[in-house]
Amino acid sequence: MIPARYAASRFPAKLMQDLHGKTVIVRTYEAAVKTGLFDAVYVVTDSEVIYDTIVQAGGEAIMSIKEHDCGSDRIAEAVADMDVDIIVNVQGDEPFTDRESLEGVMEVFKDDVKKEIDLASLMVRITDENEINNPNTVKVIVDNRNFALYFSRSPIPHPRAKSSQTVYYKHKGIYAFRKRALLDFQRLPMLPLEATEKIEAIRYLEYGKKIKMVETSVQGIEIDTPEDLKRAQAAWK
């Protein structure tokens, strides 16, 4: 499932921007299909423009019925009546989505015999200070089993001792959910931490859900700003 909004606070209509002859959302859809990992791939959107773009490109799209504040809500509505177990969420602004990373989050559930994991997601190690301090980059800290402890737009952990060998991880916006966890998310109200940070993954933690993080070395390029689009265009060449 690829949730896709036309509006975006930092970069309006970013999913409809051109990336070497095709829109960003079409490139992302094609990247997800190309992995060959899924029984079906859908773009879930509130925009007729995005819906028509995907259909015209030969893809599958679902039009949201209700208004939604986040991608998890949008996907939950779309899958409510589907006979599925695991749903993978690929963000619409991730045209460099790769098979290796997606396989990583899906493998988590194959080993989860007790079904204690509600969802899995990706993290990548970052060292650039600008990225570490950039509020557009969501950071994550984990326990010794790689379960998420917290997500933040602030640099976490804070290196109080400057000599410490602090490791920072960026949260990549790819999730794999158990269907039950996703439907629970939709009915649970937003709590203060999520409202403060504007990070939907925090809602799962606030309600006691288990998020298994998988480290990947694939950085990719998330298109949040016009500058990101320029980097993506250069990388695509």
C-alpha atoms as a PDB file:
ATOM      1  CA  MET A   1       0.000   0.000   0.000  1.00  0.00           C
ATOM      2  CA  ILE A   2       1.334   3.423  -1.007  1.00  0.00           C
ATOM      3  CA  PRO A   3      -0.542   6.264   0.731  1.00  0.00           C
ATOM      4  CA  ALA A   4      -0.478   9.375  -1.426  1.00  0.00           C
ATOM      5  CA  ARG A   5      -1.735  12.868  -0.590  1.00  0.00           C
ATOM      6  CA  TYR A   6      -1.680  15.643  -3.148  1.00  0.00           C
ATOM      7  CA  ALA A   7      -1.206  18.338  -0.511  1.00  0.00           C
ATOM      8  CA  ALA A   8       2.068  18.502   1.434  1.00  0.00           C
ATOM      9  CA  SER A   9       3.051  21.241   3.864  1.00  0.00           C
ATOM     10  CA  ARG A  10       6.740  21.410   2.901  1.00  0.00           C
ATOM     11  CA  PHE A  11       6.405  20.692  -0.822  1.00  0.00           C
ATOM     12  CA  PRO A  12       2.872  20.875  -2.275  1.00  0.00           C
ATOM     13  CA  ALA A  13       2.143  18.450  -5.128  1.00  0.00           C
ATOM     14  CA  LYS A  14       5.552  16.805  -4.661  1.00  0.00           C
ATOM     15  CA  LEU A  15       4.241  13.398  -5.791  1.00  0.00           C
ATOM     16  CA  MET A  16       3.260  14.872  -9.151  1.00  0.00           C
ATOM     17  CA  GLN A  17       6.698  16.347  -9.844  1.00  0.00           C
ATOM     18  CA  ASP A  18       8.619  15.044 -12.829  1.00  0.00           C
ATOM     19  CA  LEU A  19      11.393  12.534 -12.218  1.00  0.00           C
ATOM     20  CA  HIS A  20      12.939  11.883 -15.618  1.00  0.00           C
ATOM     21  CA  GLY A  21       9.778  11.529 -17.634  1.00  0.00           C
ATOM     22  CA  LYS A  22       7.430  10.104 -14.998  1.00  0.00           C
ATOM     23  CA  THR A  23       5.886  11.509 -11.840  1.00  0.00           C
ATOM     24  CA  VAL A  24       7.381  10.726  -8.432  1.00  0.00           C
ATOM     25  CA  ILE A  25       4.327   8.672  -7.433  1.00  0.00           C
ATOM     26  CA  VAL A  26       4.482   6.561 -10.609  1.00  0.00           C
ATOM     27  CA  ARG A  27       8.205   5.959 -10.073  1.00  0.00           C
ATOM     28  CA  THR A  28       7.493   4.847  -6.487  1.00  0.00           C
ATOM     29  CA  TYR A  29       4.647   2.558  -7.577  1.00  0.00           C
ATOM     30  CA  GLU A  30       6.814   0.968 -10.266  1.00  0.00           C
ATOM     31  CA  ALA A  31       9.674   0.472  -7.788  1.00  0.00           C
ATOM     32  CA  ALA A  32       7.357  -1.377  -5.380  1.00  0.00           C
ATOM     33  CA  VAL A  33       5.980  -3.595  -8.157  1.00  0.00           C
ATOM     34  CA  LYS A  34       9.472  -4.276  -9.497  1.00  0.00           C
ATOM     35  CA  THR A  35      10.558  -5.879  -6.208  1.00  0.00           C
ATOM     36  CA  GLY A  36       8.275  -8.831  -7.009  1.00  0.00           C
ATOM     37  CA  LEU A  37       7.520  -9.309  -3.304  1.00  0.00           C
ATOM     38  CA  PHE A  38       3.805  -8.553  -3.177  1.00  0.00           C
ATOM     39  CA  ASP A  39       0.539 -10.210  -4.135  1.00  0.00           C
ATOM     40  CA  ALA A  40      -0.803  -6.742  -4.985  1.00  0.00           C
ATOM     41  CA  VAL A  41       0.369  -3.122  -4.942  1.00  0.00           C
ATOM     42  CA  TYR A  42      -2.043  -0.209  -4.593  1.00  0.00           C
ATOM     43  CA  VAL A  43      -1.756   3.560  -4.366  1.00  0.00           C
ATOM     44  CA  VAL A  44      -4.296   4.803  -1.802  1.00  0.00           C
ATOM     45  CA  THR A  45      -5.145   8.452  -2.299  1.00  0.00           C
ATOM     46  CA  ASP A  46      -7.590  11.293  -1.696  1.00  0.00           C
ATOM     47  CA  SER A  47      -6.639  12.947  -4.982  1.00  0.00           C
ATOM     48  CA  GLU A  48      -8.368  12.354  -8.299  1.00  0.00           C
ATOM     49  CA  VAL A  49      -5.239  13.663 -10.027  1.00  0.00           C
ATOM     50  CA  ILE A  50      -3.026  11.024  -8.387  1.00  0.00           C
ATOM     51  CA  TYR A  51      -5.663   8.309  -8.852  1.00  0.00           C
ATOM     52  CA  ASP A  52      -5.974   9.044 -12.582  1.00  0.00           C
ATOM     53  CA  THR A  53      -2.182   9.249 -12.975  1.00  0.00           C
ATOM     54  CA  ILE A  54      -1.673   5.750 -11.538  1.00  0.00           C
ATOM     55  CA  VAL A  55      -4.530   4.206 -13.520  1.00  0.00           C
ATOM     56  CA  GLN A  56      -3.315   5.791 -16.761  1.00  0.00           C
ATOM     57  CA  ALA A  57       0.123   4.333 -16.059  1.00  0.00           C
ATOM     58  CA  GLY A  58      -1.444   0.864 -15.830  1.00  0.00           C
ATOM     59  CA  GLY A  59      -1.353   0.685 -12.044  1.00  0.00           C
ATOM     60  CA  GLU A  60      -3.853  -0.112  -9.289  1.00  0.00           C
ATOM     61  CA  ALA A  61      -5.318   2.704  -7.177  1.00  0.00           C
ATOM     62  CA  ILE A  62      -7.904   3.047  -4.411  1.00  0.00           C
ATOM     63  CA  MET A  63      -9.771   6.272  -3.707  1.00  0.00           C
ATOM     64  CA  SER A  64     -10.174   7.081  -0.008  1.00  0.00           C
ATOM     65  CA  ILE A  65     -13.741   7.568   1.148  1.00  0.00           C
ATOM     66  CA  LYS A  66     -13.001   9.566   4.307  1.00  0.00           C
ATOM     67  CA  GLU A  67     -10.595  12.392   5.102  1.00  0.00           C
ATOM     68  CA  HIS A  68      -7.441  11.175   6.827  1.00  0.00           C
ATOM     69  CA  ASP A  69      -4.659  12.903   8.733  1.00  0.00           C
ATOM     70  CA  CYS A  70      -2.002  10.250   8.149  1.00  0.00           C
ATOM     71  CA  GLY A  71      -1.013   7.358   5.934  1.00  0.00           C
ATOM     72  CA  SER A  72      -1.809   4.631   8.467  1.00  0.00           C
ATOM     73  CA  ASP A  73      -5.429   5.785   8.711  1.00  0.00           C
ATOM     74  CA  ARG A  74      -5.707   5.902   4.933  1.00  0.00           C
ATOM     75  CA  ILE A  75      -4.345   2.370   4.549  1.00  0.00           C
ATOM     76  CA  ALA A  76      -6.493   1.014   7.389  1.00  0.00           C
ATOM     77  CA  GLU A  77      -9.635   2.149   5.576  1.00  0.00           C
ATOM     78  CA  ALA A  78      -8.445   0.549   2.339  1.00  0.00           C
ATOM     79  CA  VAL A  79      -7.631  -2.870   3.835  1.00  0.00           C
ATOM     80  CA  ALA A  80     -10.506  -3.150   6.338  1.00  0.00           C
ATOM     81  CA  ASP A  81     -12.426  -5.660   4.204  1.00  0.00           C
ATOM     82  CA  MET A  82      -9.430  -7.346   2.564  1.00  0.00           C
ATOM     83  CA  ASP A  83      -8.394 -10.889   3.509  1.00  0.00           C
ATOM     84  CA  VAL A  84      -4.768 -10.081   4.301  1.00  0.00           C
ATOM     85  CA  ASP A  85      -2.356 -10.738   7.150  1.00  0.00           C
ATOM     86  CA  ILE A  86       0.627  -8.443   6.585  1.00  0.00           C
ATOM     87  CA  ILE A  87       0.410  -5.023   4.928  1.00  0.00           C
ATOM     88  CA  VAL A  88       3.512  -3.135   3.816  1.00  0.00           C
ATOM     89  CA  ASN A  89       3.404   0.653   3.676  1.00  0.00           C
ATOM     90  CA  VAL A  90       5.753   2.300   1.177  1.00  0.00           C
ATOM     91  CA  GLN A  91       5.732   6.103   1.273  1.00  0.00           C
ATOM     92  CA  GLY A  92       4.737   7.797  -1.978  1.00  0.00           C
ATOM     93  CA  ASP A  93       7.843   9.990  -1.971  1.00  0.00           C
ATOM     94  CA  GLU A  94      10.272   7.016  -2.012  1.00  0.00           C
ATOM     95  CA  PRO A  95      11.025   6.368  -5.714  1.00  0.00           C
ATOM     96  CA  PHE A  96      14.268   4.570  -4.783  1.00  0.00           C
ATOM     97  CA  THR A  97      12.434   1.865  -2.808  1.00  0.00           C
ATOM     98  CA  ASP A  98      14.488  -1.350  -3.040  1.00  0.00           C
ATOM     99  CA  ARG A  99      13.828  -5.071  -2.651  1.00  0.00           C
ATOM    100  CA  GLU A 100      16.479  -5.675   0.018  1.00  0.00           C
ATOM    101  CA  SER A 101      14.957  -3.211   2.486  1.00  0.00           C
ATOM    102  CA  LEU A 102      11.407  -4.458   1.972  1.00  0.00           C
ATOM    103  CA  GLU A 103      12.496  -8.072   2.406  1.00  0.00           C
ATOM    104  CA  GLY A 104      14.075  -7.101   5.713  1.00  0.00           C
ATOM    105  CA  VAL A 105      10.855  -5.838   7.293  1.00  0.00           C
ATOM    106  CA  MET A 106       8.844  -8.777   5.944  1.00  0.00           C
ATOM    107  CA  GLU A 107      11.293 -11.381   7.313  1.00  0.00           C
ATOM    108  CA  VAL A 108      10.583 -10.111  10.835  1.00  0.00           C
ATOM    109  CA  PHE A 109       7.143 -11.738  10.811  1.00  0.00           C
ATOM    110  CA  LYS A 110       8.372 -15.098   9.538  1.00  0.00           C
ATOM    111  CA  ASP A 111      10.484 -15.467  12.677  1.00  0.00           C
ATOM    112  CA  ASP A 112       7.806 -14.094  15.044  1.00  0.00           C
ATOM    113  CA  VAL A 113       6.308 -17.403  16.175  1.00  0.00           C
ATOM    114  CA  LYS A 114       4.650 -15.866  19.257  1.00  0.00           C
ATOM    115  CA  LYS A 115       3.234 -12.984  17.215  1.00  0.00           C
ATOM    116  CA  GLU A 116       4.545 -10.417  19.673  1.00  0.00           C
ATOM    117  CA  ILE A 117       5.536  -7.966  16.937  1.00  0.00           C
ATOM    118  CA  ASP A 118       2.828  -5.579  15.809  1.00  0.00           C
ATOM    119  CA  LEU A 119       4.818  -3.853  13.085  1.00  0.00           C
ATOM    120  CA  ALA A 120       8.300  -3.602  11.642  1.00  0.00           C
ATOM    121  CA  SER A 121      10.109  -0.657  10.150  1.00  0.00           C
ATOM    122  CA  LEU A 122      13.489   0.432   8.817  1.00  0.00           C
ATOM    123  CA  MET A 123      16.321   2.518  10.206  1.00  0.00           C
ATOM    124  CA  VAL A 124      19.584   3.611   8.644  1.00  0.00           C
ATOM    125  CA  ARG A 125      22.694   4.868  10.400  1.00  0.00           C
ATOM    126  CA  ILE A 126      23.451   8.560   9.824  1.00  0.00           C
ATOM    127  CA  THR A 127      26.609  10.554  10.586  1.00  0.00           C
ATOM    128  CA  ASP A 128      26.029  13.903   8.876  1.00  0.00           C
ATOM    129  CA  GLU A 129      25.466  16.570  11.576  1.00  0.00           C
ATOM    130  CA  ASN A 130      23.081  18.567   9.397  1.00  0.00           C
ATOM    131  CA  GLU A 131      20.901  15.503   8.940  1.00  0.00           C
ATOM    132  CA  ILE A 132      21.082  14.577  12.626  1.00  0.00           C
ATOM    133  CA  ASN A 133      19.912  18.067  13.603  1.00  0.00           C
ATOM    134  CA  ASN A 134      17.362  18.447  10.796  1.00  0.00           C
ATOM    135  CA  PRO A 135      13.789  18.263  12.204  1.00  0.00           C
ATOM    136  CA  ASN A 136      12.611  16.852   8.856  1.00  0.00           C
ATOM    137  CA  THR A 137      14.732  13.769   9.608  1.00  0.00           C
ATOM    138  CA  VAL A 138      12.985  11.508  12.109  1.00  0.00           C
ATOM    139  CA  LYS A 139      15.411   9.772  14.449  1.00  0.00           C
ATOM    140  CA  VAL A 140      14.790   6.534  16.358  1.00  0.00           C
ATOM    141  CA  ILE A 141      16.365   4.892  19.412  1.00  0.00           C
ATOM    142  CA  VAL A 142      16.045   1.166  20.092  1.00  0.00           C
ATOM    143  CA  ASP A 143      16.624  -1.361  22.869  1.00  0.00           C
ATOM    144  CA  ASN A 144      19.125  -4.226  22.727  1.00  0.00           C
ATOM    145  CA  ARG A 145      16.670  -6.329  20.660  1.00  0.00           C
ATOM    146  CA  ASN A 146      16.091  -3.509  18.165  1.00  0.00           C
ATOM    147  CA  PHE A 147      12.586  -2.725  19.402  1.00  0.00           C
ATOM    148  CA  ALA A 148      11.799   0.968  19.047  1.00  0.00           C
ATOM    149  CA  LEU A 149      11.890   2.993  22.265  1.00  0.00           C
ATOM    150  CA  TYR A 150      11.085   6.407  20.788  1.00  0.00           C
ATOM    151  CA  PHE A 151      11.017   8.468  17.604  1.00  0.00           C
ATOM    152  CA  SER A 152      11.830  12.164  17.497  1.00  0.00           C
ATOM    153  CA  ARG A 153      12.602  15.087  15.241  1.00  0.00           C
ATOM    154  CA  SER A 154      15.212  16.118  17.810  1.00  0.00           C
ATOM    155  CA  PRO A 155      18.693  14.552  17.873  1.00  0.00           C
ATOM    156  CA  ILE A 156      18.318  11.473  20.080  1.00  0.00           C
ATOM    157  CA  PRO A 157      20.180  10.332  22.044  1.00  0.00           C
ATOM    158  CA  HIS A 158      21.598  13.639  23.286  1.00  0.00           C
ATOM    159  CA  PRO A 159      25.423  13.322  23.491  1.00  0.00           C
ATOM    160  CA  ARG A 160      25.980  14.854  26.934  1.00  0.00           C
ATOM    161  CA  ALA A 161      29.542  13.524  26.918  1.00  0.00           C
ATOM    162  CA  LYS A 162      31.064  14.854  23.712  1.00  0.00           C
ATOM    163  CA  SER A 163      33.606  12.038  23.686  1.00  0.00           C
ATOM    164  CA  SER A 164      30.908   9.336  23.580  1.00  0.00           C
ATOM    165  CA  GLN A 165      30.596   7.226  20.448  1.00  0.00           C
ATOM    166  CA  THR A 166      26.971   8.124  19.844  1.00  0.00           C
ATOM    167  CA  VAL A 167      25.196   6.290  17.032  1.00  0.00           C
ATOM    168  CA  TYR A 168      22.224   7.932  15.308  1.00  0.00           C
ATOM    169  CA  TYR A 169      19.576   6.211  13.250  1.00  0.00           C
ATOM    170  CA  LYS A 170      17.170   7.790  10.806  1.00  0.00           C
ATOM    171  CA  HIS A 171      13.731   6.262  10.598  1.00  0.00           C
ATOM    172  CA  LYS A 172      12.835   5.351   7.029  1.00  0.00           C
ATOM    173  CA  GLY A 173       9.118   5.573   6.292  1.00  0.00           C
ATOM    174  CA  ILE A 174       8.558   1.946   5.318  1.00  0.00           C
ATOM    175  CA  TYR A 175       6.386  -0.203   7.597  1.00  0.00           C
ATOM    176  CA  ALA A 176       5.061  -3.737   7.649  1.00  0.00           C
ATOM    177  CA  PHE A 177       1.946  -4.130   9.826  1.00  0.00           C
ATOM    178  CA  ARG A 178      -0.140  -6.911  11.179  1.00  0.00           C
ATOM    179  CA  LYS A 179      -3.638  -6.050  10.014  1.00  0.00           C
ATOM    180  CA  ARG A 180      -4.954  -5.965  13.602  1.00  0.00           C
ATOM    181  CA  ALA A 181      -2.383  -3.344  14.654  1.00  0.00           C
ATOM    182  CA  LEU A 182      -3.285  -1.168  11.686  1.00  0.00           C
ATOM    183  CA  LEU A 183      -7.017  -1.337  12.403  1.00  0.00           C
ATOM    184  CA  ASP A 184      -6.344  -0.576  16.084  1.00  0.00           C
ATOM    185  CA  PHE A 185      -4.377   2.508  15.069  1.00  0.00           C
ATOM    186  CA  GLN A 186      -7.328   3.874  13.134  1.00  0.00           C
ATOM    187  CA  ARG A 187      -9.697   3.739  16.109  1.00  0.00           C
ATOM    188  CA  LEU A 188      -7.271   4.973  18.787  1.00  0.00           C
ATOM    189  CA  PRO A 189      -7.163   8.751  19.386  1.00  0.00           C
ATOM    190  CA  MET A 190      -3.956  10.726  19.040  1.00  0.00           C
ATOM    191  CA  LEU A 191      -2.098  11.263  22.327  1.00  0.00           C
ATOM    192  CA  PRO A 192       0.180  14.170  23.394  1.00  0.00           C
ATOM    193  CA  LEU A 193       3.549  12.805  22.238  1.00  0.00           C
ATOM    194  CA  GLU A 194       2.366  12.102  18.704  1.00  0.00           C
ATOM    195  CA  ALA A 195       0.601  15.465  18.591  1.00  0.00           C
ATOM    196  CA  THR A 196       3.810  17.211  19.673  1.00  0.00           C
ATOM    197  CA  GLU A 197       6.234  15.472  17.314  1.00  0.00           C
ATOM    198  CA  LYS A 198       3.799  14.907  14.411  1.00  0.00           C
ATOM    199  CA  ILE A 199       5.158  11.374  13.963  1.00  0.00           C
ATOM    200  CA  GLU A 200       2.459   8.733  13.572  1.00  0.00           C
ATOM    201  CA  ALA A 201       4.721   5.841  14.659  1.00  0.00           C
ATOM    202  CA  ILE A 202       4.661   7.294  18.173  1.00  0.00           C
ATOM    203  CA  ARG A 203       0.943   6.442  18.506  1.00  0.00           C
ATOM    204  CA  TYR A 204       1.778   2.753  18.302  1.00  0.00           C
ATOM    205  CA  LEU A 205       4.315   3.141  21.124  1.00  0.00           C
ATOM    206  CA  GLU A 206       1.965   5.213  23.278  1.00  0.00           C
ATOM    207  CA  TYR A 207      -0.573   2.386  23.147  1.00  0.00           C
ATOM    208  CA  GLY A 208       1.976  -0.320  23.896  1.00  0.00           C
ATOM    209  CA  LYS A 209       2.473  -1.757  20.416  1.00  0.00           C
ATOM    210  CA  LYS A 210       5.773  -3.491  19.619  1.00  0.00           C
ATOM    211  CA  ILE A 211       7.775  -2.032  16.715  1.00  0.00           C
ATOM    212  CA  LYS A 212      10.730  -4.088  15.523  1.00  0.00           C
ATOM    213  CA  MET A 213      13.340  -1.964  13.751  1.00  0.00           C
ATOM    214  CA  VAL A 214      15.500  -3.437  10.987  1.00  0.00           C
ATOM    215  CA  GLU A 215      18.762  -1.759  10.097  1.00  0.00           C
ATOM    216  CA  THR A 216      19.481  -1.181   6.439  1.00  0.00           C
ATOM    217  CA  SER A 217      22.439   0.371   4.666  1.00  0.00           C
ATOM    218  CA  VAL A 218      20.294   1.673   1.804  1.00  0.00           C
ATOM    219  CA  GLN A 219      19.938   5.424   2.228  1.00  0.00           C
ATOM    220  CA  GLY A 220      17.616   6.206  -0.674  1.00  0.00           C
ATOM    221  CA  ILE A 221      16.191   9.693  -1.171  1.00  0.00           C
ATOM    222  CA  GLU A 222      12.910  10.789   0.387  1.00  0.00           C
ATOM    223  CA  ILE A 223      11.462  13.714  -1.523  1.00  0.00           C
ATOM    224  CA  ASP A 224      10.303  16.168   1.143  1.00  0.00           C
ATOM    225  CA  THR A 225      11.603  19.404  -0.379  1.00  0.00           C
ATOM    226  CA  PRO A 226      12.476  20.868  -3.817  1.00  0.00           C
ATOM    227  CA  GLU A 227      16.126  20.311  -2.907  1.00  0.00           C
ATOM    228  CA  ASP A 228      15.436  16.610  -2.381  1.00  0.00           C
ATOM    229  CA  LEU A 229      13.844  16.454  -5.827  1.00  0.00           C
ATOM    230  CA  LYS A 230      16.990  17.932  -7.363  1.00  0.00           C
ATOM    231  CA  ARG A 231      19.097  15.273  -5.602  1.00  0.00           C
ATOM    232  CA  ALA A 232      16.733  12.567  -6.810  1.00  0.00           C
ATOM    233  CA  GLN A 233      16.914  13.826 -10.395  1.00  0.00           C
ATOM    234  CA  ALA A 234      20.695  13.805 -10.257  1.00  0.00           C
ATOM    235  CA  ALA A 235      20.782  10.328  -8.703  1.00  0.00           C
ATOM    236  CA  TRP A 236      18.325   8.927 -11.246  1.00  0.00           C
ATOM    237  CA  LYS A 237      20.763   9.705 -14.060  1.00  0.00           C
END
